[in-house]
Amino acid sequence: MNCKQTDFIQENSRGLDGAVYALLSKFPARAFVMKSTESGSNAQQAEDIYEKRLKDRLEKTHQDAFVAIEPLSGEHFLGATISEAMGAARQSHPDRFSHVLRVGHKAALHIGHTVQ
């Protein structure tokens, strides 16, 4: 891991527990850095594709699966884990960003504690 990557992770991981920090430190910093307008646009386009083209079908057949959507092509890639879905998307479109959703959920991941 280089110094620039370490600085990025330290600056952007405040409040994360040791396990999450350790996981993040294994990836190159470029995996986490993208222009916010580009990522926001990709996310919105992918969510629109999900809502308009995929939601009804996938929620009947792939509830709780992860779906990576590549917004330029409109292609989607299913996986039992985020890694599987993203891996399939990256293999098909290595130079493009994809957005991951969880079928039938408001968020791909739920992080935090529940209050009882």
N, C-alpha and C. Protein backbone atom coordinates (compact mmCIF):
# COMPACT_ATOMS: atom_id res chain seq x y z
N MET A 1 0.85 -1.16 0.00
CA MET A 1 0.00 0.00 0.00
C MET A 1 0.90 1.23 0.00
N ASN A 2 0.59 2.20 -0.86
CA ASN A 2 1.42 3.38 -0.91
C ASN A 2 0.93 4.45 0.05
N CYS A 3 1.73 5.49 0.23
CA CYS A 3 1.43 6.55 1.19
C CYS A 3 0.14 7.28 0.82
N LYS A 4 -0.05 7.57 -0.46
CA LYS A 4 -1.25 8.27 -0.92
C LYS A 4 -2.50 7.45 -0.59
N GLN A 5 -2.44 6.15 -0.81
CA GLN A 5 -3.57 5.27 -0.52
C GLN A 5 -3.85 5.25 0.99
N THR A 6 -2.80 5.15 1.79
CA THR A 6 -2.96 5.12 3.24
C THR A 6 -3.61 6.42 3.73
N ASP A 7 -3.14 7.56 3.22
CA ASP A 7 -3.72 8.85 3.60
C ASP A 7 -5.19 8.92 3.24
N PHE A 8 -5.53 8.46 2.02
CA PHE A 8 -6.92 8.50 1.59
C PHE A 8 -7.80 7.66 2.52
N ILE A 9 -7.35 6.46 2.82
CA ILE A 9 -8.14 5.56 3.66
C ILE A 9 -8.28 6.14 5.06
N GLN A 10 -7.21 6.68 5.61
CA GLN A 10 -7.28 7.25 6.96
C GLN A 10 -8.23 8.44 6.99
N GLU A 11 -8.17 9.30 5.98
CA GLU A 11 -9.02 10.48 5.95
C GLU A 11 -10.49 10.14 5.73
N ASN A 12 -10.76 9.05 5.07
CA ASN A 12 -12.13 8.73 4.69
C ASN A 12 -12.71 7.54 5.44
N SER A 13 -12.06 7.10 6.50
CA SER A 13 -12.57 5.93 7.21
C SER A 13 -12.78 6.20 8.69
N ARG A 14 -12.89 7.46 9.06
CA ARG A 14 -13.14 7.78 10.46
C ARG A 14 -14.44 7.12 10.91
N GLY A 15 -14.42 6.52 12.05
CA GLY A 15 -15.61 5.88 12.59
C GLY A 15 -15.79 4.44 12.15
N LEU A 16 -14.92 3.93 11.29
CA LEU A 16 -15.02 2.55 10.87
C LEU A 16 -14.30 1.65 11.87
N ASP A 17 -14.83 0.47 12.07
CA ASP A 17 -14.14 -0.44 12.99
C ASP A 17 -12.91 -1.05 12.32
N GLY A 18 -12.10 -1.70 13.09
CA GLY A 18 -10.83 -2.25 12.60
C GLY A 18 -11.00 -3.21 11.44
N ALA A 19 -12.03 -4.04 11.46
CA ALA A 19 -12.23 -5.03 10.40
C ALA A 19 -12.53 -4.35 9.07
N VAL A 20 -13.37 -3.33 9.11
CA VAL A 20 -13.71 -2.61 7.88
C VAL A 20 -12.48 -1.86 7.37
N TYR A 21 -11.74 -1.22 8.28
CA TYR A 21 -10.52 -0.51 7.90
C TYR A 21 -9.52 -1.48 7.25
N ALA A 22 -9.37 -2.65 7.85
CA ALA A 22 -8.45 -3.66 7.30
C ALA A 22 -8.89 -4.08 5.90
N LEU A 23 -10.18 -4.25 5.70
CA LEU A 23 -10.70 -4.63 4.39
C LEU A 23 -10.42 -3.53 3.37
N LEU A 24 -10.72 -2.27 3.72
CA LEU A 24 -10.51 -1.16 2.80
C LEU A 24 -9.04 -1.01 2.43
N SER A 25 -8.16 -1.28 3.37
CA SER A 25 -6.74 -1.08 3.11
C SER A 25 -6.18 -2.09 2.10
N LYS A 26 -6.92 -3.14 1.79
CA LYS A 26 -6.47 -4.14 0.81
C LYS A 26 -6.71 -3.70 -0.62
N PHE A 27 -7.55 -2.69 -0.83
CA PHE A 27 -7.91 -2.26 -2.17
C PHE A 27 -7.13 -1.02 -2.56
N PRO A 28 -6.84 -0.87 -3.85
CA PRO A 28 -6.16 0.35 -4.28
C PRO A 28 -7.06 1.56 -4.05
N ALA A 29 -6.44 2.67 -3.72
CA ALA A 29 -7.20 3.89 -3.44
C ALA A 29 -8.10 4.28 -4.60
N ARG A 30 -7.66 4.01 -5.83
CA ARG A 30 -8.48 4.38 -6.98
C ARG A 30 -9.82 3.67 -6.99
N ALA A 31 -9.94 2.57 -6.28
CA ALA A 31 -11.21 1.85 -6.23
C ALA A 31 -12.27 2.66 -5.50
N PHE A 32 -11.83 3.62 -4.67
CA PHE A 32 -12.78 4.40 -3.87
C PHE A 32 -12.94 5.83 -4.35
N VAL A 33 -12.08 6.26 -5.25
CA VAL A 33 -12.08 7.66 -5.67
C VAL A 33 -12.68 7.77 -7.06
N MET A 34 -13.74 8.55 -7.17
CA MET A 34 -14.28 8.88 -8.47
C MET A 34 -14.96 10.23 -8.33
N LYS A 35 -15.12 10.93 -9.40
CA LYS A 35 -15.76 12.22 -9.35
C LYS A 35 -17.17 12.06 -8.83
N SER A 36 -17.54 12.90 -7.87
CA SER A 36 -18.86 12.74 -7.27
C SER A 36 -19.98 12.95 -8.28
N THR A 37 -19.79 13.85 -9.23
CA THR A 37 -20.84 14.04 -10.23
C THR A 37 -20.98 12.81 -11.11
N GLU A 38 -19.86 12.19 -11.44
CA GLU A 38 -19.90 10.97 -12.27
C GLU A 38 -20.55 9.84 -11.49
N SER A 39 -20.14 9.64 -10.25
CA SER A 39 -20.70 8.54 -9.47
C SER A 39 -22.18 8.78 -9.19
N GLY A 40 -22.54 10.02 -8.91
CA GLY A 40 -23.95 10.33 -8.66
C GLY A 40 -24.80 10.11 -9.89
N SER A 41 -24.27 10.50 -11.03
CA SER A 41 -24.98 10.31 -12.29
C SER A 41 -25.13 8.82 -12.61
N ASN A 42 -24.04 8.06 -12.44
CA ASN A 42 -24.11 6.61 -12.67
C ASN A 42 -25.11 5.96 -11.74
N ALA A 43 -25.08 6.34 -10.49
CA ALA A 43 -26.00 5.76 -9.51
C ALA A 43 -27.44 6.06 -9.89
N GLN A 44 -27.72 7.30 -10.25
CA GLN A 44 -29.09 7.68 -10.61
C GLN A 44 -29.55 6.94 -11.86
N GLN A 45 -28.68 6.85 -12.86
CA GLN A 45 -29.03 6.13 -14.09
C GLN A 45 -29.29 4.65 -13.79
N ALA A 46 -28.44 4.05 -12.97
CA ALA A 46 -28.62 2.64 -12.62
C ALA A 46 -29.91 2.43 -11.84
N GLU A 47 -30.19 3.32 -10.90
CA GLU A 47 -31.44 3.18 -10.13
C GLU A 47 -32.66 3.35 -11.02
N ASP A 48 -32.58 4.24 -12.00
CA ASP A 48 -33.68 4.40 -12.95
C ASP A 48 -33.89 3.13 -13.77
N ILE A 49 -32.79 2.53 -14.22
CA ILE A 49 -32.88 1.27 -14.97
C ILE A 49 -33.52 0.19 -14.11
N TYR A 50 -33.11 0.12 -12.85
CA TYR A 50 -33.68 -0.88 -11.94
C TYR A 50 -35.18 -0.66 -11.79
N GLU A 51 -35.57 0.57 -11.50
CA GLU A 51 -37.00 0.86 -11.28
C GLU A 51 -37.85 0.60 -12.52
N LYS A 52 -37.36 1.02 -13.68
CA LYS A 52 -38.17 0.95 -14.90
C LYS A 52 -38.13 -0.40 -15.60
N ARG A 53 -36.98 -1.09 -15.53
CA ARG A 53 -36.83 -2.31 -16.33
C ARG A 53 -36.66 -3.60 -15.55
N LEU A 54 -36.11 -3.52 -14.34
CA LEU A 54 -35.70 -4.75 -13.66
C LEU A 54 -36.49 -5.10 -12.40
N LYS A 55 -36.95 -4.10 -11.68
CA LYS A 55 -37.52 -4.30 -10.35
C LYS A 55 -38.61 -5.37 -10.30
N ASP A 56 -39.62 -5.23 -11.11
CA ASP A 56 -40.75 -6.17 -11.05
C ASP A 56 -40.31 -7.62 -11.30
N ARG A 57 -39.47 -7.80 -12.31
CA ARG A 57 -39.02 -9.15 -12.65
C ARG A 57 -38.08 -9.71 -11.59
N LEU A 58 -37.08 -8.93 -11.18
CA LEU A 58 -36.08 -9.45 -10.25
C LEU A 58 -36.65 -9.69 -8.85
N GLU A 59 -37.58 -8.86 -8.41
CA GLU A 59 -38.13 -9.06 -7.07
C GLU A 59 -38.99 -10.32 -6.99
N LYS A 60 -39.45 -10.82 -8.13
CA LYS A 60 -40.19 -12.08 -8.14
C LYS A 60 -39.26 -13.29 -8.18
N THR A 61 -38.10 -13.12 -8.83
CA THR A 61 -37.25 -14.28 -9.08
C THR A 61 -35.91 -14.28 -8.34
N HIS A 62 -35.43 -13.11 -7.89
CA HIS A 62 -34.09 -13.03 -7.28
C HIS A 62 -34.08 -12.16 -6.02
N GLN A 63 -35.13 -12.27 -5.21
CA GLN A 63 -35.22 -11.49 -3.97
C GLN A 63 -33.95 -11.68 -3.14
N ASP A 64 -33.40 -10.59 -2.61
CA ASP A 64 -32.22 -10.55 -1.75
C ASP A 64 -30.89 -10.73 -2.49
N ALA A 65 -30.91 -10.96 -3.79
CA ALA A 65 -29.66 -11.05 -4.56
C ALA A 65 -29.11 -9.64 -4.75
N PHE A 66 -27.86 -9.56 -5.15
CA PHE A 66 -27.25 -8.27 -5.48
C PHE A 66 -27.24 -8.14 -7.00
N VAL A 67 -27.50 -6.92 -7.47
CA VAL A 67 -27.48 -6.66 -8.91
C VAL A 67 -26.59 -5.46 -9.17
N ALA A 68 -25.59 -5.67 -10.02
CA ALA A 68 -24.73 -4.58 -10.47
C ALA A 68 -25.27 -4.13 -11.83
N ILE A 69 -25.50 -2.84 -11.95
CA ILE A 69 -26.05 -2.30 -13.19
C ILE A 69 -25.02 -1.37 -13.81
N GLU A 70 -24.68 -1.63 -15.05
CA GLU A 70 -23.77 -0.77 -15.79
C GLU A 70 -24.65 0.16 -16.61
N PRO A 71 -24.72 1.44 -16.25
CA PRO A 71 -25.73 2.32 -16.83
C PRO A 71 -25.55 2.66 -18.31
N LEU A 72 -24.34 2.67 -18.83
CA LEU A 72 -24.17 3.02 -20.25
C LEU A 72 -24.76 1.96 -21.17
N SER A 73 -24.54 0.71 -20.85
CA SER A 73 -25.07 -0.38 -21.68
C SER A 73 -26.46 -0.82 -21.23
N GLY A 74 -26.76 -0.55 -19.95
CA GLY A 74 -28.03 -1.03 -19.38
C GLY A 74 -27.97 -2.47 -18.93
N GLU A 75 -26.81 -3.10 -19.07
CA GLU A 75 -26.67 -4.50 -18.65
C GLU A 75 -26.69 -4.61 -17.14
N HIS A 76 -27.18 -5.76 -16.67
CA HIS A 76 -27.16 -6.01 -15.23
C HIS A 76 -26.55 -7.38 -14.97
N PHE A 77 -25.99 -7.52 -13.77
CA PHE A 77 -25.25 -8.73 -13.40
C PHE A 77 -25.67 -9.12 -11.99
N LEU A 78 -26.17 -10.32 -11.83
CA LEU A 78 -26.66 -10.80 -10.54
C LEU A 78 -25.58 -11.59 -9.81
N GLY A 79 -25.64 -11.54 -8.47
CA GLY A 79 -24.74 -12.33 -7.66
C GLY A 79 -25.33 -12.55 -6.28
N ALA A 80 -24.88 -13.61 -5.64
CA ALA A 80 -25.31 -13.88 -4.26
C ALA A 80 -24.63 -12.92 -3.29
N THR A 81 -23.49 -12.32 -3.72
CA THR A 81 -22.77 -11.35 -2.91
C THR A 81 -22.49 -10.12 -3.77
N ILE A 82 -22.12 -9.03 -3.10
CA ILE A 82 -21.73 -7.82 -3.84
C ILE A 82 -20.54 -8.14 -4.72
N SER A 83 -19.59 -8.89 -4.17
CA SER A 83 -18.38 -9.22 -4.93
C SER A 83 -18.70 -9.98 -6.22
N GLU A 84 -19.62 -10.91 -6.14
CA GLU A 84 -20.00 -11.68 -7.34
C GLU A 84 -20.62 -10.76 -8.40
N ALA A 85 -21.56 -9.91 -7.98
CA ALA A 85 -22.23 -9.02 -8.92
C ALA A 85 -21.25 -8.03 -9.53
N MET A 86 -20.42 -7.40 -8.69
CA MET A 86 -19.44 -6.43 -9.20
C MET A 86 -18.38 -7.11 -10.05
N GLY A 87 -17.97 -8.30 -9.67
CA GLY A 87 -16.97 -9.03 -10.45
C GLY A 87 -17.46 -9.31 -11.85
N ALA A 88 -18.71 -9.72 -11.96
CA ALA A 88 -19.29 -10.00 -13.28
C ALA A 88 -19.39 -8.71 -14.11
N ALA A 89 -19.79 -7.62 -13.47
CA ALA A 89 -19.89 -6.34 -14.18
C ALA A 89 -18.52 -5.87 -14.63
N ARG A 90 -17.54 -5.97 -13.74
CA ARG A 90 -16.19 -5.52 -14.06
C ARG A 90 -15.57 -6.39 -15.15
N GLN A 91 -15.86 -7.68 -15.15
CA GLN A 91 -15.33 -8.57 -16.18
C GLN A 91 -15.89 -8.18 -17.55
N SER A 92 -17.15 -7.84 -17.60
CA SER A 92 -17.79 -7.47 -18.85
C SER A 92 -17.45 -6.05 -19.29
N HIS A 93 -17.30 -5.15 -18.32
CA HIS A 93 -17.03 -3.73 -18.60
C HIS A 93 -15.92 -3.23 -17.67
N PRO A 94 -14.67 -3.61 -17.93
CA PRO A 94 -13.58 -3.30 -16.99
C PRO A 94 -13.27 -1.81 -16.84
N ASP A 95 -13.65 -1.00 -17.79
CA ASP A 95 -13.32 0.42 -17.73
C ASP A 95 -14.51 1.31 -17.37
N ARG A 96 -15.57 0.70 -16.90
CA ARG A 96 -16.78 1.47 -16.56
C ARG A 96 -17.17 1.23 -15.11
N PHE A 97 -17.85 2.22 -14.55
CA PHE A 97 -18.37 2.09 -13.19
C PHE A 97 -19.75 1.47 -13.24
N SER A 98 -20.01 0.58 -12.31
CA SER A 98 -21.34 -0.01 -12.15
C SER A 98 -21.86 0.38 -10.78
N HIS A 99 -23.14 0.24 -10.61
CA HIS A 99 -23.78 0.57 -9.33
C HIS A 99 -24.48 -0.68 -8.83
N VAL A 100 -24.28 -1.01 -7.55
CA VAL A 100 -24.86 -2.23 -7.00
C VAL A 100 -26.05 -1.90 -6.12
N LEU A 101 -27.11 -2.65 -6.34
CA LEU A 101 -28.32 -2.58 -5.52
C LEU A 101 -28.60 -3.97 -4.98
N ARG A 102 -29.40 -4.03 -3.95
CA ARG A 102 -29.85 -5.34 -3.45
C ARG A 102 -31.32 -5.47 -3.80
N VAL A 103 -31.66 -6.53 -4.47
CA VAL A 103 -33.02 -6.73 -4.96
C VAL A 103 -33.99 -6.80 -3.77
N GLY A 104 -34.97 -5.90 -3.81
CA GLY A 104 -36.00 -5.88 -2.78
C GLY A 104 -35.63 -5.10 -1.53
N HIS A 105 -34.52 -4.37 -1.55
CA HIS A 105 -34.07 -3.61 -0.38
C HIS A 105 -33.86 -2.15 -0.76
N LYS A 106 -33.92 -1.28 0.24
CA LYS A 106 -33.67 0.14 0.01
C LYS A 106 -32.19 0.43 -0.16
N ALA A 107 -31.35 -0.40 0.42
CA ALA A 107 -29.90 -0.21 0.35
C ALA A 107 -29.23 -1.55 0.10
N ALA A 108 -28.05 -1.49 -0.53
CA ALA A 108 -27.31 -2.73 -0.78
C ALA A 108 -26.78 -3.31 0.52
N LEU A 109 -26.36 -2.45 1.44
CA LEU A 109 -25.84 -2.88 2.73
C LEU A 109 -26.52 -2.10 3.84
N HIS A 110 -26.72 -2.74 4.94
CA HIS A 110 -27.25 -2.09 6.13
C HIS A 110 -26.13 -2.13 7.18
N ILE A 111 -25.60 -0.96 7.50
CA ILE A 111 -24.51 -0.87 8.45
C ILE A 111 -24.98 -0.13 9.68
N GLY A 112 -24.69 -0.66 10.84
CA GLY A 112 -25.06 0.02 12.05
C GLY A 112 -25.75 -0.90 13.01
N HIS A 113 -26.36 -0.29 13.98
CA HIS A 113 -27.02 -1.05 15.03
C HIS A 113 -28.52 -0.83 14.96
N THR A 114 -29.25 -1.79 15.41
CA THR A 114 -30.70 -1.63 15.51
C THR A 114 -31.04 -1.35 16.97
N VAL A 115 -32.00 -0.52 17.16
CA VAL A 115 -32.44 -0.17 18.52
C VAL A 115 -33.64 -1.04 18.83
N GLN A 116 -33.58 -1.69 19.99
CA GLN A 116 -34.70 -2.55 20.37
C GLN A 116 -35.45 -2.00 21.54
